[in-house]
Amino acid sequence: MFETTDPLGRKVKLETKTWNIHIVPSHNELYKQDALVKKTIEDPKFILVDKDSQSRQNYFDLCNIPKDNSLSILKVVVDFTNSTGDVMTAYTIKSTPTQATTKRGVIYERP
C-alpha cells in the first residue's frame, strides 16, 4: 500500500494484505482512509510504547473520520521487529485512558 517515514526517521510500511484482510474488514470506518493512517505515522501527536509488546509502538493523532463525520483519535500499531516497521492494525478509539497511557513511555511527542 505504502511506505513512509515517521518523525524519528524510521521506515514504516503498510502491506495491502494487512489493509484489505485485517484493518478494513474489522474497522470499516477506515475504508478509503489509508491517507489518514499514513499521515498519523508521518506526523503523530504521540508515539507510545505498546502495553503488550516491546517491539510494538502506538501512533496517535486526532483525525476527522469522514464516514462518521466526527473527530476521533486514530491509533496505528507498528511492529519494529525488523528494520522497517510493519503496520499491524489501525482503528479509532473512544476511550483514551484504556488505550493510551504515558506510564508505558512516551517515545515521541509532536512539538
C-alpha atoms as a PDB file:
ATOM      1  CA  MET A   1       0.000   0.000   0.000  1.00  0.00           C
ATOM      2  CA  PHE A   2       2.641   2.475   1.100  1.00  0.00           C
ATOM      3  CA  GLU A   3       5.987   3.014   2.733  1.00  0.00           C
ATOM      4  CA  THR A   4       6.719   6.196   4.633  1.00  0.00           C
ATOM      5  CA  THR A   5       8.981   7.665   7.320  1.00  0.00           C
ATOM      6  CA  ASP A   6       7.976   8.539  10.873  1.00  0.00           C
ATOM      7  CA  PRO A   7       9.223  11.688  12.680  1.00  0.00           C
ATOM      8  CA  LEU A   8      12.108   9.697  14.166  1.00  0.00           C
ATOM      9  CA  GLY A   9      13.404   8.834  10.683  1.00  0.00           C
ATOM     10  CA  ARG A  10      12.270   5.194  10.745  1.00  0.00           C
ATOM     11  CA  LYS A  11      10.761   3.492   7.696  1.00  0.00           C
ATOM     12  CA  VAL A  12       7.226   2.156   8.184  1.00  0.00           C
ATOM     13  CA  LYS A  13       5.192   0.186   5.651  1.00  0.00           C
ATOM     14  CA  LEU A  14       1.576  -0.858   5.332  1.00  0.00           C
ATOM     15  CA  GLU A  15       1.027  -4.013   3.298  1.00  0.00           C
ATOM     16  CA  THR A  16      -2.025  -4.208   1.017  1.00  0.00           C
ATOM     17  CA  LYS A  17      -2.863  -7.595   2.535  1.00  0.00           C
ATOM     18  CA  THR A  18      -2.924  -6.153   6.076  1.00  0.00           C
ATOM     19  CA  TRP A  19      -5.154  -3.293   4.917  1.00  0.00           C
ATOM     20  CA  ASN A  20      -7.613  -5.415   2.906  1.00  0.00           C
ATOM     21  CA  ILE A  21      -7.780  -8.519   5.109  1.00  0.00           C
ATOM     22  CA  HIS A  22      -7.378  -7.161   8.629  1.00  0.00           C
ATOM     23  CA  ILE A  23      -7.863  -3.415   9.012  1.00  0.00           C
ATOM     24  CA  VAL A  24     -10.789  -2.501   6.735  1.00  0.00           C
ATOM     25  CA  PRO A  25     -12.994  -5.552   7.488  1.00  0.00           C
ATOM     26  CA  SER A  26     -12.543  -5.070  11.252  1.00  0.00           C
ATOM     27  CA  HIS A  27     -12.591  -1.268  11.267  1.00  0.00           C
ATOM     28  CA  ASN A  28     -14.797  -0.166   8.381  1.00  0.00           C
ATOM     29  CA  GLU A  29     -14.716   3.480   9.482  1.00  0.00           C
ATOM     30  CA  LEU A  30     -11.251   3.480   7.883  1.00  0.00           C
ATOM     31  CA  TYR A  31     -12.469   2.352   4.448  1.00  0.00           C
ATOM     32  CA  LYS A  32     -10.629   4.531   1.891  1.00  0.00           C
ATOM     33  CA  GLN A  33      -8.799   6.298   4.738  1.00  0.00           C
ATOM     34  CA  ASP A  34      -5.303   4.913   4.195  1.00  0.00           C
ATOM     35  CA  ALA A  35      -4.075   8.511   3.753  1.00  0.00           C
ATOM     36  CA  LEU A  36      -5.111   9.222   7.377  1.00  0.00           C
ATOM     37  CA  VAL A  37      -3.129   6.203   8.552  1.00  0.00           C
ATOM     38  CA  LYS A  38      -0.094   7.387   6.593  1.00  0.00           C
ATOM     39  CA  LYS A  39      -0.438  10.942   7.956  1.00  0.00           C
ATOM     40  CA  THR A  40      -0.695   9.608  11.514  1.00  0.00           C
ATOM     41  CA  ILE A  41       2.578   7.716  11.033  1.00  0.00           C
ATOM     42  CA  GLU A  42       4.320  10.703   9.456  1.00  0.00           C
ATOM     43  CA  ASP A  43       3.070  13.334  11.932  1.00  0.00           C
ATOM     44  CA  PRO A  44       1.578  11.754  15.075  1.00  0.00           C
ATOM     45  CA  LYS A  45       0.770  13.711  18.202  1.00  0.00           C
ATOM     46  CA  PHE A  46       2.263  10.869  20.245  1.00  0.00           C
ATOM     47  CA  ILE A  47       4.203   7.642  19.791  1.00  0.00           C
ATOM     48  CA  LEU A  48       3.887   5.415  22.849  1.00  0.00           C
ATOM     49  CA  VAL A  49       5.267   2.042  23.865  1.00  0.00           C
ATOM     50  CA  ASP A  50       2.663  -0.705  23.324  1.00  0.00           C
ATOM     51  CA  LYS A  51       1.275  -2.259  26.512  1.00  0.00           C
ATOM     52  CA  ASP A  52       1.599  -5.826  25.211  1.00  0.00           C
ATOM     53  CA  SER A  53       4.832  -5.899  23.218  1.00  0.00           C
ATOM     54  CA  GLN A  54       8.205  -4.172  23.467  1.00  0.00           C
ATOM     55  CA  SER A  55       8.648  -4.390  19.680  1.00  0.00           C
ATOM     56  CA  ARG A  56       5.371  -2.541  19.002  1.00  0.00           C
ATOM     57  CA  GLN A  57       4.679   1.162  19.212  1.00  0.00           C
ATOM     58  CA  ASN A  58       1.387   3.059  19.030  1.00  0.00           C
ATOM     59  CA  TYR A  59       0.958   6.204  16.961  1.00  0.00           C
ATOM     60  CA  PHE A  60      -1.894   8.527  17.964  1.00  0.00           C
ATOM     61  CA  ASP A  61      -3.476  11.587  16.396  1.00  0.00           C
ATOM     62  CA  LEU A  62      -6.820  13.343  16.307  1.00  0.00           C
ATOM     63  CA  CYS A  63      -8.400  12.869  12.868  1.00  0.00           C
ATOM     64  CA  ASN A  64     -11.579  13.746  11.032  1.00  0.00           C
ATOM     65  CA  ILE A  65     -13.243  10.451  10.102  1.00  0.00           C
ATOM     66  CA  PRO A  66     -15.472  11.191   7.079  1.00  0.00           C
ATOM     67  CA  LYS A  67     -17.699   8.127   7.495  1.00  0.00           C
ATOM     68  CA  ASP A  68     -18.851   9.321  10.918  1.00  0.00           C
ATOM     69  CA  ASN A  69     -18.269  12.998  10.185  1.00  0.00           C
ATOM     70  CA  SER A  70     -16.590  13.156  13.561  1.00  0.00           C
ATOM     71  CA  LEU A  71     -13.284  13.781  15.218  1.00  0.00           C
ATOM     72  CA  SER A  72     -11.753  10.611  16.609  1.00  0.00           C
ATOM     73  CA  ILE A  73      -8.404   9.506  17.912  1.00  0.00           C
ATOM     74  CA  LEU A  74      -6.708   7.274  15.384  1.00  0.00           C
ATOM     75  CA  LYS A  75      -4.392   4.604  16.755  1.00  0.00           C
ATOM     76  CA  VAL A  76      -1.890   2.906  14.457  1.00  0.00           C
ATOM     77  CA  VAL A  77       0.077  -0.051  15.840  1.00  0.00           C
ATOM     78  CA  VAL A  78       3.501  -0.587  14.258  1.00  0.00           C
ATOM     79  CA  ASP A  79       5.802  -3.546  14.912  1.00  0.00           C
ATOM     80  CA  PHE A  80       9.541  -2.849  14.780  1.00  0.00           C
ATOM     81  CA  THR A  81      10.815  -6.438  14.975  1.00  0.00           C
ATOM     82  CA  ASN A  82      12.549  -5.818  11.609  1.00  0.00           C
ATOM     83  CA  SER A  83      14.487  -2.761  10.441  1.00  0.00           C
ATOM     84  CA  THR A  84      11.344  -1.463   8.690  1.00  0.00           C
ATOM     85  CA  GLY A  85       8.250  -1.101  10.863  1.00  0.00           C
ATOM     86  CA  ASP A  86       5.138  -3.005   9.818  1.00  0.00           C
ATOM     87  CA  VAL A  87       1.655  -1.615  10.436  1.00  0.00           C
ATOM     88  CA  MET A  88      -0.214  -4.342  12.320  1.00  0.00           C
ATOM     89  CA  THR A  89      -3.558  -2.579  12.747  1.00  0.00           C
ATOM     90  CA  ALA A  90      -5.241   0.814  12.831  1.00  0.00           C
ATOM     91  CA  TYR A  91      -8.533   1.896  14.367  1.00  0.00           C
ATOM     92  CA  THR A  92     -10.352   4.763  16.006  1.00  0.00           C
ATOM     93  CA  ILE A  93     -10.678   4.810  19.765  1.00  0.00           C
ATOM     94  CA  LYS A  94     -13.214   6.420  22.045  1.00  0.00           C
ATOM     95  CA  SER A  95     -11.628   5.810  25.456  1.00  0.00           C
ATOM     96  CA  THR A  96      -8.133   7.217  25.815  1.00  0.00           C
ATOM     97  CA  PRO A  97      -7.450   6.093  29.407  1.00  0.00           C
ATOM     98  CA  THR A  98      -7.501   2.409  28.432  1.00  0.00           C
ATOM     99  CA  GLN A  99      -5.761   2.845  25.072  1.00  0.00           C
ATOM    100  CA  ALA A 100      -3.136   5.450  25.819  1.00  0.00           C
ATOM    101  CA  THR A 101      -1.172   5.877  28.996  1.00  0.00           C
ATOM    102  CA  THR A 102       2.123   7.692  29.313  1.00  0.00           C
ATOM    103  CA  LYS A 103       3.132   5.268  32.096  1.00  0.00           C
ATOM    104  CA  ARG A 104       4.375   2.874  29.398  1.00  0.00           C
ATOM    105  CA  GLY A 105       6.681   5.508  27.993  1.00  0.00           C
ATOM    106  CA  VAL A 106       6.395   8.353  25.532  1.00  0.00           C
ATOM    107  CA  ILE A 107       8.762   7.771  22.624  1.00  0.00           C
ATOM    108  CA  TYR A 108       7.780  10.924  20.761  1.00  0.00           C
ATOM    109  CA  GLU A 109       5.511  13.938  21.282  1.00  0.00           C
ATOM    110  CA  ARG A 110       4.878  16.404  18.456  1.00  0.00           C
ATOM    111  CA  PRO A 111       6.253  19.802  19.475  1.00  0.00           C
END
